[in-house]
């Protein structure tokens, strides 16, 4: 099984997650069956990237959008993904913080919930991988709960941080592998209509 990546935003604005559906389009265009889990229905098309067009009919048929309102619904659904008639090979979870914060009253509750959700995600991916007999990718969007959280490092080892610079005109995406220095980063220019254009790829020494 291959667990792809977890996205963790160091700039907690919901605007960033509006581009997250583009990940579903990317994987579907690659022929992967996608389960896109979100706490609220998508109300509009995501902001465009310069090298992406609207998904094809074939890609749309490979995408399944699942709207789950709370923590219990999320955990319950994760344990059922591998029983679908069309088992997903890509699991995308948008706005994970909504589920982690829902109904939590104490810090201990929050830590326990984070651990349970992370374990459930990995269990779901493993179950889907066994059924499909192929790699399963997991991609998560979080804007606060998993930042600098030691529980995160127990479950995920491929973390990307997103930050805005120059009054929101530039977005920097930086990869921070666990146990090493910054490896590489991507710089996007953001236009007034929301379109993102890749401007630069930076590679850094990890010596």
N, C-alpha and C. Protein backbone atom coordinates (compact mmCIF):
# COMPACT_ATOMS: atom_id res chain seq x y z
N UNK A 1 0.84 -1.19 0.00
CA UNK A 1 0.00 0.00 0.00
C UNK A 1 0.87 1.24 0.00
N UNK A 2 0.41 2.26 -0.74
CA UNK A 2 1.15 3.52 -0.80
C UNK A 2 0.26 4.63 -0.27
N UNK A 3 0.69 5.29 0.79
CA UNK A 3 -0.05 6.43 1.32
C UNK A 3 0.59 7.68 0.77
N UNK A 4 -0.15 8.41 -0.02
CA UNK A 4 0.45 9.46 -0.81
C UNK A 4 0.90 10.66 0.01
N UNK A 5 -0.05 11.49 0.44
CA UNK A 5 0.40 12.69 1.15
C UNK A 5 -0.71 13.28 2.00
N UNK A 6 -0.29 14.05 2.97
CA UNK A 6 -1.24 14.80 3.78
C UNK A 6 -0.92 16.27 3.63
N UNK A 7 -1.91 17.10 3.32
CA UNK A 7 -1.71 18.53 3.18
C UNK A 7 -2.03 19.21 4.51
N UNK A 8 -1.11 19.99 4.99
CA UNK A 8 -1.31 20.73 6.23
C UNK A 8 -1.02 22.20 5.97
N UNK A 9 -2.01 23.04 6.13
CA UNK A 9 -1.84 24.46 5.86
C UNK A 9 -1.35 25.19 7.10
N UNK A 10 -0.28 25.96 6.94
CA UNK A 10 0.20 26.79 8.05
C UNK A 10 -0.49 28.14 8.03
N UNK A 11 -1.32 28.36 7.05
CA UNK A 11 -2.07 29.61 6.94
C UNK A 11 -3.55 29.25 6.96
N UNK A 12 -4.17 29.23 8.14
CA UNK A 12 -5.51 28.67 8.29
C UNK A 12 -6.61 29.53 7.69
N UNK A 13 -6.71 29.50 6.36
CA UNK A 13 -7.81 30.15 5.67
C UNK A 13 -8.54 29.12 4.83
N UNK A 14 -9.84 29.16 4.84
CA UNK A 14 -10.61 28.21 4.08
C UNK A 14 -10.41 28.38 2.58
N UNK A 15 -9.98 29.57 2.17
CA UNK A 15 -9.78 29.82 0.74
C UNK A 15 -8.82 28.84 0.09
N UNK A 16 -7.83 28.37 0.84
CA UNK A 16 -6.89 27.42 0.30
C UNK A 16 -7.59 26.13 -0.12
N UNK A 17 -8.51 25.67 0.71
CA UNK A 17 -9.12 24.38 0.44
C UNK A 17 -10.03 24.39 -0.78
N UNK A 18 -10.34 25.58 -1.30
CA UNK A 18 -11.17 25.64 -2.50
C UNK A 18 -10.50 25.03 -3.70
N UNK A 19 -9.18 24.92 -3.67
CA UNK A 19 -8.46 24.30 -4.78
C UNK A 19 -8.30 22.80 -4.58
N UNK A 20 -8.69 22.29 -3.43
CA UNK A 20 -8.49 20.88 -3.12
C UNK A 20 -9.23 19.96 -4.08
N UNK A 21 -10.44 20.32 -4.57
CA UNK A 21 -11.11 19.46 -5.54
C UNK A 21 -10.32 19.20 -6.81
N UNK A 22 -9.35 20.07 -7.10
CA UNK A 22 -8.51 19.83 -8.27
C UNK A 22 -7.73 18.53 -8.14
N UNK A 23 -7.45 18.13 -6.89
CA UNK A 23 -6.76 16.86 -6.68
C UNK A 23 -7.63 15.69 -7.14
N UNK A 24 -8.94 15.80 -6.89
CA UNK A 24 -9.86 14.76 -7.35
C UNK A 24 -9.85 14.66 -8.86
N UNK A 25 -9.87 15.80 -9.53
CA UNK A 25 -9.82 15.80 -10.99
C UNK A 25 -8.53 15.19 -11.50
N UNK A 26 -7.42 15.56 -10.87
CA UNK A 26 -6.12 15.02 -11.31
C UNK A 26 -6.10 13.49 -11.25
N UNK A 27 -6.51 12.94 -10.10
CA UNK A 27 -6.45 11.49 -9.94
C UNK A 27 -7.43 10.78 -10.87
N UNK A 28 -8.61 11.36 -11.05
CA UNK A 28 -9.60 10.75 -11.93
C UNK A 28 -9.12 10.76 -13.38
N UNK A 29 -8.47 11.84 -13.77
CA UNK A 29 -7.92 11.90 -15.13
C UNK A 29 -6.81 10.87 -15.33
N UNK A 30 -6.21 10.44 -14.22
CA UNK A 30 -5.18 9.41 -14.28
C UNK A 30 -5.79 8.01 -14.27
N UNK A 31 -7.12 7.93 -14.24
CA UNK A 31 -7.80 6.64 -14.27
C UNK A 31 -8.05 6.03 -12.91
N UNK A 32 -7.82 6.81 -11.83
CA UNK A 32 -8.03 6.32 -10.48
C UNK A 32 -9.47 6.61 -10.03
N UNK A 33 -10.05 5.70 -9.26
CA UNK A 33 -11.38 5.93 -8.71
C UNK A 33 -11.24 6.70 -7.40
N UNK A 34 -11.92 7.83 -7.30
CA UNK A 34 -11.70 8.77 -6.20
C UNK A 34 -12.92 8.84 -5.28
N UNK A 35 -12.66 8.78 -3.97
CA UNK A 35 -13.68 9.06 -2.96
C UNK A 35 -13.30 10.39 -2.33
N UNK A 36 -14.13 11.41 -2.56
CA UNK A 36 -13.86 12.75 -2.05
C UNK A 36 -14.81 13.01 -0.89
N UNK A 37 -14.25 13.08 0.32
CA UNK A 37 -15.05 13.26 1.54
C UNK A 37 -14.95 14.71 2.00
N UNK A 38 -16.09 15.33 2.23
CA UNK A 38 -16.11 16.73 2.63
C UNK A 38 -17.27 16.98 3.59
N UNK A 39 -17.11 17.91 4.55
CA UNK A 39 -18.18 18.18 5.51
C UNK A 39 -19.31 19.03 4.95
N UNK A 40 -19.11 19.60 3.76
CA UNK A 40 -20.15 20.44 3.17
C UNK A 40 -20.11 20.32 1.65
N UNK A 41 -21.27 20.38 1.00
CA UNK A 41 -21.32 20.27 -0.46
C UNK A 41 -20.51 21.38 -1.13
N UNK A 42 -19.93 21.06 -2.28
CA UNK A 42 -19.21 22.07 -3.05
C UNK A 42 -20.21 22.98 -3.73
N UNK A 43 -20.04 24.29 -3.55
CA UNK A 43 -21.00 25.25 -4.09
C UNK A 43 -20.57 25.86 -5.42
N UNK A 44 -19.30 25.68 -5.76
CA UNK A 44 -18.81 26.29 -6.99
C UNK A 44 -17.62 25.52 -7.51
N UNK A 45 -17.24 25.81 -8.75
CA UNK A 45 -16.06 25.22 -9.33
C UNK A 45 -14.83 25.76 -8.61
N UNK A 46 -13.79 24.93 -8.40
CA UNK A 46 -12.56 25.42 -7.77
C UNK A 46 -11.82 26.38 -8.67
N UNK A 47 -10.97 27.21 -8.07
CA UNK A 47 -10.14 28.11 -8.86
C UNK A 47 -9.26 27.30 -9.80
N UNK A 48 -9.04 27.84 -10.99
CA UNK A 48 -8.34 27.08 -12.03
C UNK A 48 -6.83 27.18 -11.87
N UNK A 49 -6.15 26.17 -12.39
CA UNK A 49 -4.70 26.21 -12.55
C UNK A 49 -4.42 26.30 -14.04
N UNK A 50 -3.29 26.90 -14.38
CA UNK A 50 -3.03 27.20 -15.79
C UNK A 50 -2.94 25.98 -16.68
N UNK A 51 -2.60 24.81 -16.10
CA UNK A 51 -2.42 23.61 -16.91
C UNK A 51 -3.58 22.63 -16.74
N UNK A 52 -4.71 23.07 -16.19
CA UNK A 52 -5.83 22.18 -15.95
C UNK A 52 -7.10 22.69 -16.62
N UNK A 53 -7.89 21.78 -17.17
CA UNK A 53 -9.18 22.12 -17.76
C UNK A 53 -10.27 21.42 -16.96
N UNK A 54 -11.52 21.63 -17.33
CA UNK A 54 -12.62 20.95 -16.64
C UNK A 54 -12.51 19.45 -16.84
N UNK A 55 -12.93 18.66 -15.84
CA UNK A 55 -12.81 17.20 -15.95
C UNK A 55 -13.67 16.65 -17.08
N UNK A 56 -13.19 15.58 -17.70
CA UNK A 56 -13.94 14.92 -18.77
C UNK A 56 -15.09 14.12 -18.17
N UNK A 57 -16.00 13.68 -19.02
CA UNK A 57 -17.12 12.86 -18.56
C UNK A 57 -16.59 11.57 -17.95
N UNK A 58 -15.57 11.00 -18.55
CA UNK A 58 -14.98 9.76 -18.04
C UNK A 58 -14.42 9.97 -16.64
N UNK A 59 -13.74 11.10 -16.44
CA UNK A 59 -13.16 11.40 -15.13
C UNK A 59 -14.25 11.61 -14.09
N UNK A 60 -15.32 12.30 -14.45
CA UNK A 60 -16.41 12.56 -13.51
C UNK A 60 -17.05 11.26 -13.03
N UNK A 61 -17.11 10.27 -13.89
CA UNK A 61 -17.68 8.98 -13.52
C UNK A 61 -16.83 8.24 -12.50
N UNK A 62 -15.56 8.64 -12.41
CA UNK A 62 -14.64 7.99 -11.47
C UNK A 62 -14.60 8.70 -10.12
N UNK A 63 -15.31 9.83 -10.01
CA UNK A 63 -15.29 10.60 -8.77
C UNK A 63 -16.59 10.41 -8.01
N UNK A 64 -16.47 10.15 -6.72
CA UNK A 64 -17.64 10.03 -5.85
C UNK A 64 -17.49 11.02 -4.71
N UNK A 65 -18.44 11.96 -4.62
CA UNK A 65 -18.40 12.98 -3.57
C UNK A 65 -19.29 12.53 -2.42
N UNK A 66 -18.71 12.49 -1.22
CA UNK A 66 -19.41 12.00 -0.04
C UNK A 66 -19.46 13.12 0.99
N UNK A 67 -20.67 13.58 1.32
CA UNK A 67 -20.84 14.67 2.27
C UNK A 67 -21.17 14.09 3.65
N UNK A 68 -20.26 14.28 4.59
CA UNK A 68 -20.43 13.75 5.95
C UNK A 68 -20.39 14.92 6.92
N UNK A 69 -21.39 15.03 7.77
CA UNK A 69 -21.54 16.23 8.58
C UNK A 69 -20.73 16.24 9.87
N UNK A 70 -20.38 15.05 10.41
CA UNK A 70 -19.73 15.06 11.70
C UNK A 70 -18.71 13.93 11.84
N UNK A 71 -18.06 13.93 12.98
CA UNK A 71 -16.98 12.99 13.29
C UNK A 71 -17.43 11.54 13.22
N UNK A 72 -18.57 11.23 13.85
CA UNK A 72 -19.06 9.85 13.85
C UNK A 72 -19.35 9.35 12.44
N UNK A 73 -19.94 10.22 11.62
CA UNK A 73 -20.24 9.84 10.24
C UNK A 73 -18.97 9.57 9.46
N UNK A 74 -17.92 10.36 9.70
CA UNK A 74 -16.65 10.16 9.01
C UNK A 74 -16.04 8.81 9.35
N UNK A 75 -15.92 8.52 10.65
CA UNK A 75 -15.32 7.25 11.07
C UNK A 75 -16.13 6.07 10.54
N UNK A 76 -17.46 6.18 10.62
CA UNK A 76 -18.30 5.10 10.12
C UNK A 76 -18.12 4.86 8.64
N UNK A 77 -18.00 5.93 7.87
CA UNK A 77 -17.84 5.81 6.42
C UNK A 77 -16.46 5.23 6.05
N UNK A 78 -15.44 5.61 6.81
CA UNK A 78 -14.10 5.10 6.53
C UNK A 78 -14.05 3.59 6.66
N UNK A 79 -14.80 3.04 7.58
CA UNK A 79 -14.80 1.59 7.77
C UNK A 79 -15.63 0.86 6.73
N UNK A 80 -16.32 1.62 5.85
CA UNK A 80 -17.15 0.99 4.83
C UNK A 80 -16.64 1.16 3.41
N UNK A 81 -15.63 2.01 3.23
CA UNK A 81 -15.17 2.32 1.87
C UNK A 81 -14.78 1.06 1.09
N UNK A 82 -14.15 0.10 1.75
CA UNK A 82 -13.68 -1.09 1.05
C UNK A 82 -14.81 -2.03 0.66
N UNK A 83 -16.04 -1.76 1.14
CA UNK A 83 -17.18 -2.60 0.80
C UNK A 83 -17.97 -2.05 -0.39
N UNK A 84 -17.59 -0.89 -0.89
CA UNK A 84 -18.28 -0.32 -2.04
C UNK A 84 -18.17 -1.24 -3.25
N UNK A 85 -19.17 -1.19 -4.12
CA UNK A 85 -19.10 -1.94 -5.37
C UNK A 85 -17.92 -1.44 -6.20
N UNK A 86 -17.68 -0.12 -6.14
CA UNK A 86 -16.53 0.47 -6.81
C UNK A 86 -15.59 1.00 -5.73
N UNK A 87 -14.64 0.19 -5.32
CA UNK A 87 -13.73 0.55 -4.23
C UNK A 87 -12.77 1.65 -4.71
N UNK A 88 -12.61 2.73 -3.95
CA UNK A 88 -11.72 3.81 -4.37
C UNK A 88 -10.24 3.45 -4.20
N UNK A 89 -9.44 3.95 -5.12
CA UNK A 89 -7.99 3.80 -5.00
C UNK A 89 -7.36 5.11 -4.54
N UNK A 90 -8.16 6.16 -4.44
CA UNK A 90 -7.72 7.45 -3.92
C UNK A 90 -8.76 7.95 -2.93
N UNK A 91 -8.32 8.30 -1.73
CA UNK A 91 -9.21 8.83 -0.69
C UNK A 91 -8.78 10.26 -0.38
N UNK A 92 -9.66 11.21 -0.65
CA UNK A 92 -9.40 12.61 -0.37
C UNK A 92 -10.34 13.08 0.74
N UNK A 93 -9.78 13.70 1.77
CA UNK A 93 -10.59 14.21 2.88
C UNK A 93 -10.34 15.70 3.02
N UNK A 94 -11.36 16.47 2.71
CA UNK A 94 -11.26 17.93 2.77
C UNK A 94 -11.68 18.43 4.14
N UNK A 95 -11.04 19.51 4.59
CA UNK A 95 -11.41 20.19 5.85
C UNK A 95 -11.50 19.21 7.02
N UNK A 96 -10.44 18.46 7.25
CA UNK A 96 -10.44 17.48 8.33
C UNK A 96 -10.71 18.13 9.69
N UNK A 97 -10.31 19.38 9.85
CA UNK A 97 -10.49 20.07 11.13
C UNK A 97 -11.96 20.12 11.56
N UNK A 98 -12.86 20.22 10.58
CA UNK A 98 -14.29 20.24 10.92
C UNK A 98 -14.70 19.00 11.70
N UNK A 99 -14.14 17.86 11.30
CA UNK A 99 -14.48 16.61 11.97
C UNK A 99 -13.77 16.49 13.32
N UNK A 100 -12.53 16.96 13.38
CA UNK A 100 -11.77 16.84 14.63
C UNK A 100 -12.30 17.76 15.71
N UNK A 101 -12.85 18.90 15.32
CA UNK A 101 -13.35 19.87 16.30
C UNK A 101 -14.79 19.62 16.69
N UNK A 102 -15.52 18.86 15.89
CA UNK A 102 -16.96 18.69 16.12
C UNK A 102 -17.22 17.96 17.43
N UNK A 103 -17.83 18.68 18.38
CA UNK A 103 -18.22 18.07 19.65
C UNK A 103 -17.10 17.86 20.65
N UNK A 104 -15.85 18.18 20.30
CA UNK A 104 -14.74 18.00 21.24
C UNK A 104 -14.82 19.08 22.31
N UNK A 105 -14.65 18.69 23.57
CA UNK A 105 -14.79 19.64 24.68
C UNK A 105 -13.48 19.88 25.43
N UNK A 106 -12.55 18.95 25.41
CA UNK A 106 -11.30 19.09 26.15
C UNK A 106 -10.13 18.73 25.26
N UNK A 107 -8.92 19.16 25.66
CA UNK A 107 -7.73 18.87 24.87
C UNK A 107 -7.49 17.37 24.76
N UNK A 108 -7.80 16.64 25.85
CA UNK A 108 -7.64 15.19 25.82
C UNK A 108 -8.58 14.56 24.80
N UNK A 109 -9.80 15.09 24.73
CA UNK A 109 -10.76 14.61 23.74
C UNK A 109 -10.22 14.83 22.33
N UNK A 110 -9.62 16.00 22.12
CA UNK A 110 -9.09 16.36 20.81
C UNK A 110 -7.96 15.42 20.40
N UNK A 111 -7.02 15.14 21.31
CA UNK A 111 -5.89 14.26 21.00
C UNK A 111 -6.37 12.84 20.70
N UNK A 112 -7.31 12.38 21.50
CA UNK A 112 -7.85 11.04 21.28
C UNK A 112 -8.57 10.96 19.94
N UNK A 113 -9.30 12.00 19.62
CA UNK A 113 -10.04 12.03 18.35
C UNK A 113 -9.09 12.06 17.16
N UNK A 114 -8.04 12.87 17.24
CA UNK A 114 -7.06 12.93 16.16
C UNK A 114 -6.44 11.55 15.92
N UNK A 115 -6.04 10.88 17.01
CA UNK A 115 -5.43 9.55 16.88
C UNK A 115 -6.41 8.55 16.28
N UNK A 116 -7.66 8.61 16.72
CA UNK A 116 -8.66 7.66 16.21
C UNK A 116 -8.94 7.89 14.74
N UNK A 117 -9.07 9.16 14.34
CA UNK A 117 -9.34 9.47 12.93
C UNK A 117 -8.16 9.06 12.05
N UNK A 118 -6.95 9.37 12.48
CA UNK A 118 -5.76 9.00 11.69
C UNK A 118 -5.66 7.48 11.55
N UNK A 119 -5.91 6.76 12.64
CA UNK A 119 -5.86 5.30 12.58
C UNK A 119 -6.96 4.77 11.66
N UNK A 120 -8.14 5.37 11.70
CA UNK A 120 -9.24 4.94 10.85
C UNK A 120 -8.93 5.17 9.38
N UNK A 121 -8.28 6.29 9.09
CA UNK A 121 -7.90 6.59 7.70
C UNK A 121 -6.94 5.54 7.17
N UNK A 122 -5.92 5.21 7.97
CA UNK A 122 -4.95 4.20 7.53
C UNK A 122 -5.60 2.83 7.40
N UNK A 123 -6.48 2.48 8.33
CA UNK A 123 -7.19 1.20 8.25
C UNK A 123 -8.02 1.13 6.97
N UNK A 124 -8.70 2.21 6.65
CA UNK A 124 -9.53 2.25 5.44
C UNK A 124 -8.67 2.08 4.19
N UNK A 125 -7.55 2.78 4.15
CA UNK A 125 -6.66 2.67 2.98
C UNK A 125 -6.11 1.26 2.83
N UNK A 126 -5.73 0.65 3.93
CA UNK A 126 -5.22 -0.72 3.88
C UNK A 126 -6.29 -1.69 3.41
N UNK A 127 -7.52 -1.52 3.90
CA UNK A 127 -8.62 -2.40 3.50
C UNK A 127 -8.91 -2.26 2.01
N UNK A 128 -8.92 -1.04 1.52
CA UNK A 128 -9.15 -0.81 0.08
C UNK A 128 -8.01 -1.40 -0.74
N UNK A 129 -6.79 -1.25 -0.24
CA UNK A 129 -5.62 -1.79 -0.95
C UNK A 129 -5.68 -3.31 -1.05
N UNK A 130 -6.13 -3.97 0.02
CA UNK A 130 -6.23 -5.43 -0.01
C UNK A 130 -7.27 -5.89 -1.03
N UNK A 131 -8.40 -5.18 -1.10
CA UNK A 131 -9.45 -5.55 -2.04
C UNK A 131 -8.99 -5.33 -3.48
N UNK A 132 -8.37 -4.18 -3.73
CA UNK A 132 -7.96 -3.81 -5.08
C UNK A 132 -6.67 -4.49 -5.52
N UNK A 133 -5.87 -4.92 -4.53
CA UNK A 133 -4.55 -5.49 -4.80
C UNK A 133 -3.67 -4.48 -5.57
N UNK A 134 -3.74 -3.24 -5.13
CA UNK A 134 -2.94 -2.17 -5.73
C UNK A 134 -2.73 -1.07 -4.70
N UNK A 135 -1.85 -0.14 -5.02
CA UNK A 135 -1.58 0.98 -4.12
C UNK A 135 -2.82 1.85 -3.96
N UNK A 136 -3.01 2.37 -2.77
CA UNK A 136 -4.08 3.31 -2.48
C UNK A 136 -3.47 4.60 -1.97
N UNK A 137 -3.92 5.72 -2.52
CA UNK A 137 -3.39 7.03 -2.15
C UNK A 137 -4.35 7.75 -1.21
N UNK A 138 -3.78 8.44 -0.22
CA UNK A 138 -4.58 9.21 0.73
C UNK A 138 -4.07 10.65 0.72
N UNK A 139 -4.99 11.59 0.64
CA UNK A 139 -4.62 13.00 0.67
C UNK A 139 -5.60 13.73 1.56
N UNK A 140 -5.09 14.51 2.51
CA UNK A 140 -5.92 15.15 3.52
C UNK A 140 -5.61 16.64 3.57
N UNK A 141 -6.66 17.44 3.80
CA UNK A 141 -6.47 18.88 4.01
C UNK A 141 -6.78 19.22 5.46
N UNK A 142 -5.80 19.84 6.13
CA UNK A 142 -6.00 20.30 7.50
C UNK A 142 -5.38 21.68 7.63
N UNK A 143 -6.05 22.58 8.34
CA UNK A 143 -5.53 23.94 8.46
C UNK A 143 -5.00 24.29 9.84
N UNK A 144 -5.22 23.40 10.84
CA UNK A 144 -4.74 23.76 12.17
C UNK A 144 -4.42 22.56 13.05
N UNK A 145 -5.33 21.61 13.17
CA UNK A 145 -5.20 20.55 14.17
C UNK A 145 -3.95 19.69 14.02
N UNK A 146 -3.47 19.48 12.81
CA UNK A 146 -2.33 18.60 12.61
C UNK A 146 -1.00 19.33 12.49
N UNK A 147 -1.04 20.65 12.63
CA UNK A 147 0.20 21.42 12.54
C UNK A 147 1.01 21.22 13.81
N UNK A 148 2.26 20.80 13.66
CA UNK A 148 3.16 20.58 14.80
C UNK A 148 2.55 19.64 15.84
N UNK A 149 1.77 18.70 15.40
CA UNK A 149 1.15 17.75 16.31
C UNK A 149 1.93 16.44 16.24
N UNK A 150 2.41 15.96 17.39
CA UNK A 150 3.26 14.76 17.38
C UNK A 150 2.48 13.54 16.90
N UNK A 151 1.17 13.53 17.08
CA UNK A 151 0.36 12.39 16.63
C UNK A 151 0.46 12.25 15.12
N UNK A 152 0.54 13.39 14.43
CA UNK A 152 0.64 13.37 12.97
C UNK A 152 1.82 12.54 12.49
N UNK A 153 2.97 12.70 13.16
CA UNK A 153 4.18 12.01 12.72
C UNK A 153 4.10 10.50 12.92
N UNK A 154 3.17 10.05 13.75
CA UNK A 154 3.00 8.62 13.96
C UNK A 154 2.29 7.96 12.78
N UNK A 155 1.53 8.74 12.03
CA UNK A 155 0.70 8.18 10.98
C UNK A 155 1.08 8.64 9.57
N UNK A 156 1.58 9.87 9.45
CA UNK A 156 1.85 10.44 8.14
C UNK A 156 3.29 10.95 8.06
N UNK A 157 3.95 10.64 6.97
CA UNK A 157 5.34 11.02 6.82
C UNK A 157 5.58 11.84 5.55
N UNK A 158 4.53 12.30 4.94
CA UNK A 158 4.66 13.12 3.73
C UNK A 158 3.77 14.34 3.90
N UNK A 159 4.36 15.43 4.39
CA UNK A 159 3.58 16.60 4.80
C UNK A 159 3.99 17.81 3.96
N UNK A 160 2.98 18.55 3.52
CA UNK A 160 3.21 19.78 2.75
C UNK A 160 2.59 20.96 3.48
N UNK A 161 3.33 22.05 3.59
CA UNK A 161 2.83 23.27 4.22
C UNK A 161 2.54 24.31 3.13
N UNK A 162 1.41 24.99 3.25
CA UNK A 162 1.04 26.04 2.31
C UNK A 162 0.99 27.37 3.03
N UNK A 163 1.62 28.39 2.43
CA UNK A 163 1.59 29.73 3.01
C UNK A 163 1.36 30.75 1.91
N UNK A 164 0.76 31.86 2.28
CA UNK A 164 0.54 32.98 1.36
C UNK A 164 1.57 34.06 1.64
N UNK A 165 2.03 34.70 0.56
CA UNK A 165 2.99 35.78 0.69
C UNK A 165 2.58 36.92 -0.24
N UNK A 166 3.22 38.05 -0.02
CA UNK A 166 2.96 39.24 -0.86
C UNK A 166 1.48 39.56 -0.93
N UNK A 167 0.85 39.66 0.25
CA UNK A 167 -0.57 40.01 0.35
C UNK A 167 -1.47 39.07 -0.45
N UNK A 168 -1.12 37.80 -0.42
CA UNK A 168 -1.96 36.81 -1.07
C UNK A 168 -1.71 36.64 -2.56
N UNK A 169 -0.74 37.36 -3.12
CA UNK A 169 -0.48 37.26 -4.55
C UNK A 169 0.42 36.07 -4.89
N UNK A 170 0.99 35.46 -3.88
CA UNK A 170 1.89 34.33 -4.09
C UNK A 170 1.57 33.23 -3.09
N UNK A 171 1.58 31.99 -3.54
CA UNK A 171 1.38 30.83 -2.68
C UNK A 171 2.61 29.96 -2.75
N UNK A 172 3.15 29.61 -1.60
CA UNK A 172 4.34 28.76 -1.53
C UNK A 172 3.93 27.41 -0.93
N UNK A 173 4.24 26.34 -1.65
CA UNK A 173 3.95 24.98 -1.20
C UNK A 173 5.28 24.30 -0.90
N UNK A 174 5.48 23.95 0.37
CA UNK A 174 6.77 23.42 0.81
C UNK A 174 6.61 22.01 1.37
N UNK A 175 7.48 21.11 0.95
CA UNK A 175 7.44 19.75 1.46
C UNK A 175 8.38 19.62 2.65
N UNK A 176 7.84 19.07 3.75
CA UNK A 176 8.63 18.87 4.96
C UNK A 176 8.61 17.40 5.35
N UNK A 177 9.49 16.57 4.76
CA UNK A 177 9.53 15.17 5.19
C UNK A 177 9.93 15.07 6.65
N UNK A 178 9.34 14.12 7.36
CA UNK A 178 9.66 13.93 8.77
C UNK A 178 11.11 13.50 8.91
N UNK A 179 11.84 14.16 9.80
CA UNK A 179 13.21 13.76 10.07
C UNK A 179 14.25 14.36 9.13
N UNK A 180 13.83 15.34 8.29
CA UNK A 180 14.80 15.95 7.39
C UNK A 180 14.47 17.42 7.21
N UNK A 181 15.37 18.15 6.56
CA UNK A 181 15.14 19.55 6.31
C UNK A 181 14.24 19.72 5.09
N UNK A 182 13.92 20.98 4.82
CA UNK A 182 13.08 21.29 3.66
C UNK A 182 13.70 20.72 2.40
N UNK A 183 12.93 19.94 1.65
CA UNK A 183 13.44 19.26 0.47
C UNK A 183 13.20 20.04 -0.80
N UNK A 184 11.96 20.48 -1.04
CA UNK A 184 11.67 21.28 -2.22
C UNK A 184 10.40 22.09 -1.97
N UNK A 185 10.22 23.10 -2.82
CA UNK A 185 9.04 23.94 -2.68
C UNK A 185 8.59 24.41 -4.05
N UNK A 186 7.31 24.76 -4.15
CA UNK A 186 6.71 25.25 -5.39
C UNK A 186 6.13 26.63 -5.12
N UNK A 187 6.37 27.54 -6.05
CA UNK A 187 5.88 28.90 -5.91
C UNK A 187 4.84 29.16 -7.01
N UNK A 188 3.62 29.54 -6.58
CA UNK A 188 2.54 29.85 -7.51
C UNK A 188 2.18 31.32 -7.42
N UNK A 189 1.92 31.93 -8.58
CA UNK A 189 1.36 33.27 -8.59
C UNK A 189 -0.15 33.16 -8.64
N UNK A 190 -0.82 33.97 -7.83
CA UNK A 190 -2.28 33.95 -7.75
C UNK A 190 -2.84 35.22 -8.36
N UNK A 191 -3.71 35.06 -9.36
CA UNK A 191 -4.28 36.21 -10.05
C UNK A 191 -5.62 36.61 -9.40
N UNK A 192 -6.14 37.75 -9.81
CA UNK A 192 -7.35 38.31 -9.19
C UNK A 192 -8.55 37.38 -9.36
N UNK A 193 -8.60 36.63 -10.45
CA UNK A 193 -9.72 35.72 -10.67
C UNK A 193 -9.55 34.39 -9.94
N UNK A 194 -8.46 34.27 -9.16
CA UNK A 194 -8.22 33.06 -8.40
C UNK A 194 -7.33 32.05 -9.07
N UNK A 195 -7.02 32.23 -10.35
CA UNK A 195 -6.19 31.27 -11.06
C UNK A 195 -4.79 31.23 -10.47
N UNK A 196 -4.24 30.00 -10.33
CA UNK A 196 -2.88 29.80 -9.85
C UNK A 196 -2.00 29.36 -11.01
N UNK A 197 -0.84 29.97 -11.12
CA UNK A 197 0.11 29.62 -12.17
C UNK A 197 1.45 29.28 -11.51
N UNK A 198 1.95 28.08 -11.81
CA UNK A 198 3.24 27.67 -11.25
C UNK A 198 4.34 28.55 -11.81
N UNK A 199 5.08 29.21 -10.94
CA UNK A 199 6.11 30.14 -11.36
C UNK A 199 7.52 29.61 -11.14
N UNK A 200 7.71 28.76 -10.11
CA UNK A 200 9.07 28.34 -9.77
C UNK A 200 9.05 27.07 -8.94
N UNK A 201 10.04 26.21 -9.18
CA UNK A 201 10.25 25.02 -8.36
C UNK A 201 11.64 25.13 -7.75
N UNK A 202 11.71 25.08 -6.43
CA UNK A 202 12.98 25.24 -5.73
C UNK A 202 13.39 23.94 -5.08
N UNK A 203 14.63 23.56 -5.27
CA UNK A 203 15.17 22.36 -4.62
C UNK A 203 16.18 22.78 -3.58
N UNK A 204 16.14 22.10 -2.43
CA UNK A 204 16.99 22.47 -1.30
C UNK A 204 17.78 21.25 -0.84
N UNK A 205 18.98 21.52 -0.36
CA UNK A 205 19.81 20.44 0.16
C UNK A 205 19.23 19.92 1.47
N UNK A 206 19.28 18.61 1.66
CA UNK A 206 18.81 18.02 2.92
C UNK A 206 19.98 17.43 3.69
N UNK A 207 21.20 17.87 3.37
CA UNK A 207 22.40 17.41 4.08
C UNK A 207 22.41 17.96 5.51
